[in-house]
Amino acid sequence: MVSEGNTHKGSCFCGSVELEVAGDPVAAGYCHCESCRQWSAGPVNAFTLWPPQAVKVTSGAEHIDGFNKTPNSTRKWCTKCGGHLFTEHPTMGVTDVYAAIIPGFPFQPGVHVNYQETVLRMHDGLPKLRDYPKEMGGSGEVLPE
């Protein structure tokens, strides 16, 4: 997909669901929690957090389904290919669009969250938060690299 100005386009694995994000994300980084690891089938998940109104499904909305493991998150995917799309976090007021599905977005991580649960230590100089920033309901505690 392509980027146009401050709007970035992306899609699911098969391309049936297309979306765009506009403006600037609230934050970008890596999540190390067990839920994100299981969902992404990887040791860490690259996230971009957006105000919900900045995320727009432009085609294929009928192919989106969701799952709530907890009331804090609704994970969305394409029903045709199973490709992961985004997670709505209503209690935090943000939507996490996975960095991998918006290839034109210049991903610049600023933080690691839920680092207490990590299975992959990363030495990149970024802050490693035990859970979440205080502004998002976490402790804000920074752990050593």
C-alpha atoms as a PDB file:
ATOM      1  CA  MET A   1       0.000   0.000   0.000  1.00  0.00           C
ATOM      2  CA  VAL A   2       1.024   3.617  -0.381  1.00  0.00           C
ATOM      3  CA  SER A   3       1.251   6.644   1.851  1.00  0.00           C
ATOM      4  CA  GLU A   4      -0.328   9.930   0.846  1.00  0.00           C
ATOM      5  CA  GLY A   5       0.786  12.856   2.983  1.00  0.00           C
ATOM      6  CA  ASN A   6      -0.227  12.189   6.552  1.00  0.00           C
ATOM      7  CA  THR A   7      -2.642   9.383   5.613  1.00  0.00           C
ATOM      8  CA  HIS A   8      -1.346   5.824   5.507  1.00  0.00           C
ATOM      9  CA  LYS A   9      -3.125   2.904   3.898  1.00  0.00           C
ATOM     10  CA  GLY A  10      -3.015  -0.748   4.823  1.00  0.00           C
ATOM     11  CA  SER A  11      -4.830  -4.006   4.441  1.00  0.00           C
ATOM     12  CA  CYS A  12      -5.233  -7.498   5.788  1.00  0.00           C
ATOM     13  CA  PHE A  13      -3.161 -10.432   4.496  1.00  0.00           C
ATOM     14  CA  CYS A  14      -5.435 -11.118   1.481  1.00  0.00           C
ATOM     15  CA  GLY A  15      -6.349  -7.487   0.786  1.00  0.00           C
ATOM     16  CA  SER A  16     -10.106  -7.938   1.301  1.00  0.00           C
ATOM     17  CA  VAL A  17     -10.128  -5.414   4.156  1.00  0.00           C
ATOM     18  CA  GLU A  18      -8.508  -2.059   3.542  1.00  0.00           C
ATOM     19  CA  LEU A  19      -8.074   0.736   6.042  1.00  0.00           C
ATOM     20  CA  GLU A  20      -6.351   4.039   6.497  1.00  0.00           C
ATOM     21  CA  VAL A  21      -4.998   5.995   9.408  1.00  0.00           C
ATOM     22  CA  ALA A  22      -4.803   9.780   9.339  1.00  0.00           C
ATOM     23  CA  GLY A  23      -2.781  12.278  11.295  1.00  0.00           C
ATOM     24  CA  ASP A  24      -0.242  11.265  13.891  1.00  0.00           C
ATOM     25  CA  PRO A  25      -0.400   8.322  16.264  1.00  0.00           C
ATOM     26  CA  VAL A  26      -0.721   8.849  20.004  1.00  0.00           C
ATOM     27  CA  ALA A  27       2.214   6.470  20.469  1.00  0.00           C
ATOM     28  CA  ALA A  28       4.167   3.698  18.788  1.00  0.00           C
ATOM     29  CA  GLY A  29       6.236   0.945  20.313  1.00  0.00           C
ATOM     30  CA  TYR A  30       6.392  -2.683  21.290  1.00  0.00           C
ATOM     31  CA  CYS A  31       4.107  -4.707  23.532  1.00  0.00           C
ATOM     32  CA  HIS A  32       5.480  -7.742  25.357  1.00  0.00           C
ATOM     33  CA  CYS A  33       2.319  -8.970  27.107  1.00  0.00           C
ATOM     34  CA  GLU A  34       1.298 -12.594  26.855  1.00  0.00           C
ATOM     35  CA  SER A  35      -1.982 -11.721  25.100  1.00  0.00           C
ATOM     36  CA  CYS A  36      -0.221  -9.786  22.321  1.00  0.00           C
ATOM     37  CA  ARG A  37       2.383 -12.513  21.953  1.00  0.00           C
ATOM     38  CA  GLN A  38      -0.270 -15.209  21.619  1.00  0.00           C
ATOM     39  CA  TRP A  39      -2.395 -13.103  19.261  1.00  0.00           C
ATOM     40  CA  SER A  40       0.522 -12.150  17.010  1.00  0.00           C
ATOM     41  CA  ALA A  41       2.211 -15.579  17.238  1.00  0.00           C
ATOM     42  CA  GLY A  42       5.476 -13.752  17.887  1.00  0.00           C
ATOM     43  CA  PRO A  43       7.698 -12.787  20.810  1.00  0.00           C
ATOM     44  CA  VAL A  44       6.704  -9.102  20.619  1.00  0.00           C
ATOM     45  CA  ASN A  45       4.031  -6.985  18.890  1.00  0.00           C
ATOM     46  CA  ALA A  46       4.758  -3.660  17.143  1.00  0.00           C
ATOM     47  CA  PHE A  47       1.891  -1.250  17.820  1.00  0.00           C
ATOM     48  CA  THR A  48       0.739   2.143  16.625  1.00  0.00           C
ATOM     49  CA  LEU A  49      -1.939   3.771  18.784  1.00  0.00           C
ATOM     50  CA  TRP A  50      -4.411   6.156  17.158  1.00  0.00           C
ATOM     51  CA  PRO A  51      -7.449   8.122  18.268  1.00  0.00           C
ATOM     52  CA  PRO A  52     -10.375   5.924  17.153  1.00  0.00           C
ATOM     53  CA  GLN A  53     -11.643   8.609  14.755  1.00  0.00           C
ATOM     54  CA  ALA A  54      -8.269   8.524  12.916  1.00  0.00           C
ATOM     55  CA  VAL A  55      -8.801   4.886  11.863  1.00  0.00           C
ATOM     56  CA  LYS A  56     -11.136   4.289   8.930  1.00  0.00           C
ATOM     57  CA  VAL A  57     -12.025   0.992   7.253  1.00  0.00           C
ATOM     58  CA  THR A  58     -12.288   1.944   3.583  1.00  0.00           C
ATOM     59  CA  SER A  59     -13.415  -1.403   2.156  1.00  0.00           C
ATOM     60  CA  GLY A  60     -14.283  -4.901   3.295  1.00  0.00           C
ATOM     61  CA  ALA A  61     -15.911  -3.995   6.627  1.00  0.00           C
ATOM     62  CA  GLU A  62     -18.265  -6.945   6.136  1.00  0.00           C
ATOM     63  CA  HIS A  63     -15.232  -9.239   6.457  1.00  0.00           C
ATOM     64  CA  ILE A  64     -14.223  -7.996   9.926  1.00  0.00           C
ATOM     65  CA  ASP A  65     -14.913  -9.948  13.079  1.00  0.00           C
ATOM     66  CA  GLY A  66     -13.708  -9.436  16.627  1.00  0.00           C
ATOM     67  CA  PHE A  67     -12.936 -11.144  19.899  1.00  0.00           C
ATOM     68  CA  ASN A  68     -12.890  -9.868  23.486  1.00  0.00           C
ATOM     69  CA  LYS A  69     -10.626 -11.768  25.857  1.00  0.00           C
ATOM     70  CA  THR A  70     -11.143  -8.924  28.329  1.00  0.00           C
ATOM     71  CA  PRO A  71     -13.358  -5.808  28.315  1.00  0.00           C
ATOM     72  CA  ASN A  72     -10.201  -3.742  27.712  1.00  0.00           C
ATOM     73  CA  SER A  73      -9.584  -4.962  24.154  1.00  0.00           C
ATOM     74  CA  THR A  74     -11.470  -6.056  21.054  1.00  0.00           C
ATOM     75  CA  ARG A  75      -9.102  -7.691  18.582  1.00  0.00           C
ATOM     76  CA  LYS A  76     -10.226  -7.461  14.944  1.00  0.00           C
ATOM     77  CA  TRP A  77      -9.317  -9.656  11.977  1.00  0.00           C
ATOM     78  CA  CYS A  78     -10.371 -10.503   8.418  1.00  0.00           C
ATOM     79  CA  THR A  79     -12.778 -13.449   8.232  1.00  0.00           C
ATOM     80  CA  LYS A  80     -11.537 -14.378   4.744  1.00  0.00           C
ATOM     81  CA  CYS A  81      -7.803 -14.766   5.461  1.00  0.00           C
ATOM     82  CA  GLY A  82      -7.543 -14.510   9.242  1.00  0.00           C
ATOM     83  CA  GLY A  83      -5.204 -11.530   8.885  1.00  0.00           C
ATOM     84  CA  HIS A  84      -5.004  -9.376  11.984  1.00  0.00           C
ATOM     85  CA  LEU A  85      -6.044  -5.748  11.564  1.00  0.00           C
ATOM     86  CA  PHE A  86      -6.304  -3.750  14.770  1.00  0.00           C
ATOM     87  CA  THR A  87      -7.336  -3.809  18.419  1.00  0.00           C
ATOM     88  CA  GLU A  88      -9.831  -1.379  19.881  1.00  0.00           C
ATOM     89  CA  HIS A  89      -8.948  -0.308  23.440  1.00  0.00           C
ATOM     90  CA  PRO A  90     -12.061   1.599  24.594  1.00  0.00           C
ATOM     91  CA  THR A  91     -10.885   1.973  28.206  1.00  0.00           C
ATOM     92  CA  MET A  92      -7.705   3.700  26.964  1.00  0.00           C
ATOM     93  CA  GLY A  93      -9.443   5.666  24.199  1.00  0.00           C
ATOM     94  CA  VAL A  94      -7.150   4.374  21.430  1.00  0.00           C
ATOM     95  CA  THR A  95      -7.083   1.904  18.559  1.00  0.00           C
ATOM     96  CA  ASP A  96      -3.946  -0.156  17.974  1.00  0.00           C
ATOM     97  CA  VAL A  97      -3.300  -0.605  14.259  1.00  0.00           C
ATOM     98  CA  TYR A  98      -0.536  -3.182  13.928  1.00  0.00           C
ATOM     99  CA  ALA A  99       2.527  -1.552  12.408  1.00  0.00           C
ATOM    100  CA  ALA A 100       2.993  -4.438   9.957  1.00  0.00           C
ATOM    101  CA  ILE A 101      -0.280  -3.769   8.127  1.00  0.00           C
ATOM    102  CA  ILE A 102       0.481  -0.107   7.366  1.00  0.00           C
ATOM    103  CA  PRO A 103       3.756  -0.535   5.471  1.00  0.00           C
ATOM    104  CA  GLY A 104       3.980   3.097   4.346  1.00  0.00           C
ATOM    105  CA  PHE A 105       3.848   4.399   7.901  1.00  0.00           C
ATOM    106  CA  PRO A 106       7.283   5.497   9.152  1.00  0.00           C
ATOM    107  CA  PHE A 107       7.248   3.365  12.321  1.00  0.00           C
ATOM    108  CA  GLN A 108       9.354   5.002  15.027  1.00  0.00           C
ATOM    109  CA  PRO A 109       8.917   3.132  18.309  1.00  0.00           C
ATOM    110  CA  GLY A 110       9.179   5.172  21.473  1.00  0.00           C
ATOM    111  CA  VAL A 111       8.518   2.683  24.258  1.00  0.00           C
ATOM    112  CA  HIS A 112       8.194  -0.944  25.310  1.00  0.00           C
ATOM    113  CA  VAL A 113       5.077  -1.776  27.362  1.00  0.00           C
ATOM    114  CA  ASN A 114       4.400  -4.786  29.588  1.00  0.00           C
ATOM    115  CA  TYR A 115       8.129  -5.499  29.645  1.00  0.00           C
ATOM    116  CA  GLN A 116       7.745  -7.472  32.870  1.00  0.00           C
ATOM    117  CA  GLU A 117       6.270 -10.242  30.678  1.00  0.00           C
ATOM    118  CA  THR A 118       8.917 -10.197  27.953  1.00  0.00           C
ATOM    119  CA  VAL A 119      10.381 -13.370  26.476  1.00  0.00           C
ATOM    120  CA  LEU A 120      12.707 -11.397  24.186  1.00  0.00           C
ATOM    121  CA  ARG A 121      15.035  -8.895  25.822  1.00  0.00           C
ATOM    122  CA  MET A 122      15.689  -5.928  23.558  1.00  0.00           C
ATOM    123  CA  HIS A 123      18.624  -3.568  23.997  1.00  0.00           C
ATOM    124  CA  ASP A 124      17.588  -0.541  21.957  1.00  0.00           C
ATOM    125  CA  GLY A 125      17.782   2.297  24.501  1.00  0.00           C
ATOM    126  CA  LEU A 126      14.000   2.787  24.597  1.00  0.00           C
ATOM    127  CA  PRO A 127      12.165   2.957  27.945  1.00  0.00           C
ATOM    128  CA  LYS A 128      10.973  -0.455  29.166  1.00  0.00           C
ATOM    129  CA  LEU A 129       7.762   0.008  31.154  1.00  0.00           C
ATOM    130  CA  ARG A 130       6.663  -2.650  33.643  1.00  0.00           C
ATOM    131  CA  ASP A 131       3.096  -2.241  32.377  1.00  0.00           C
ATOM    132  CA  TYR A 132       1.696   0.995  30.857  1.00  0.00           C
ATOM    133  CA  PRO A 133       2.343   4.717  31.185  1.00  0.00           C
ATOM    134  CA  LYS A 134       0.511   6.376  34.084  1.00  0.00           C
ATOM    135  CA  GLU A 135      -1.576   8.333  31.555  1.00  0.00           C
ATOM    136  CA  MET A 136      -3.011   5.031  30.322  1.00  0.00           C
ATOM    137  CA  GLY A 137      -3.734   3.552  33.723  1.00  0.00           C
ATOM    138  CA  GLY A 138      -0.411   1.850  34.376  1.00  0.00           C
ATOM    139  CA  SER A 139       2.279   2.293  36.979  1.00  0.00           C
ATOM    140  CA  GLY A 140       4.672   4.132  34.672  1.00  0.00           C
ATOM    141  CA  GLU A 141       7.503   2.147  36.299  1.00  0.00           C
ATOM    142  CA  VAL A 142      10.585   1.859  34.073  1.00  0.00           C
ATOM    143  CA  LEU A 143      12.502  -1.419  34.199  1.00  0.00           C
ATOM    144  CA  PRO A 144      16.201  -1.874  33.380  1.00  0.00           C
ATOM    145  CA  GLU A 145      17.159  -3.010  29.915  1.00  0.00           C
END
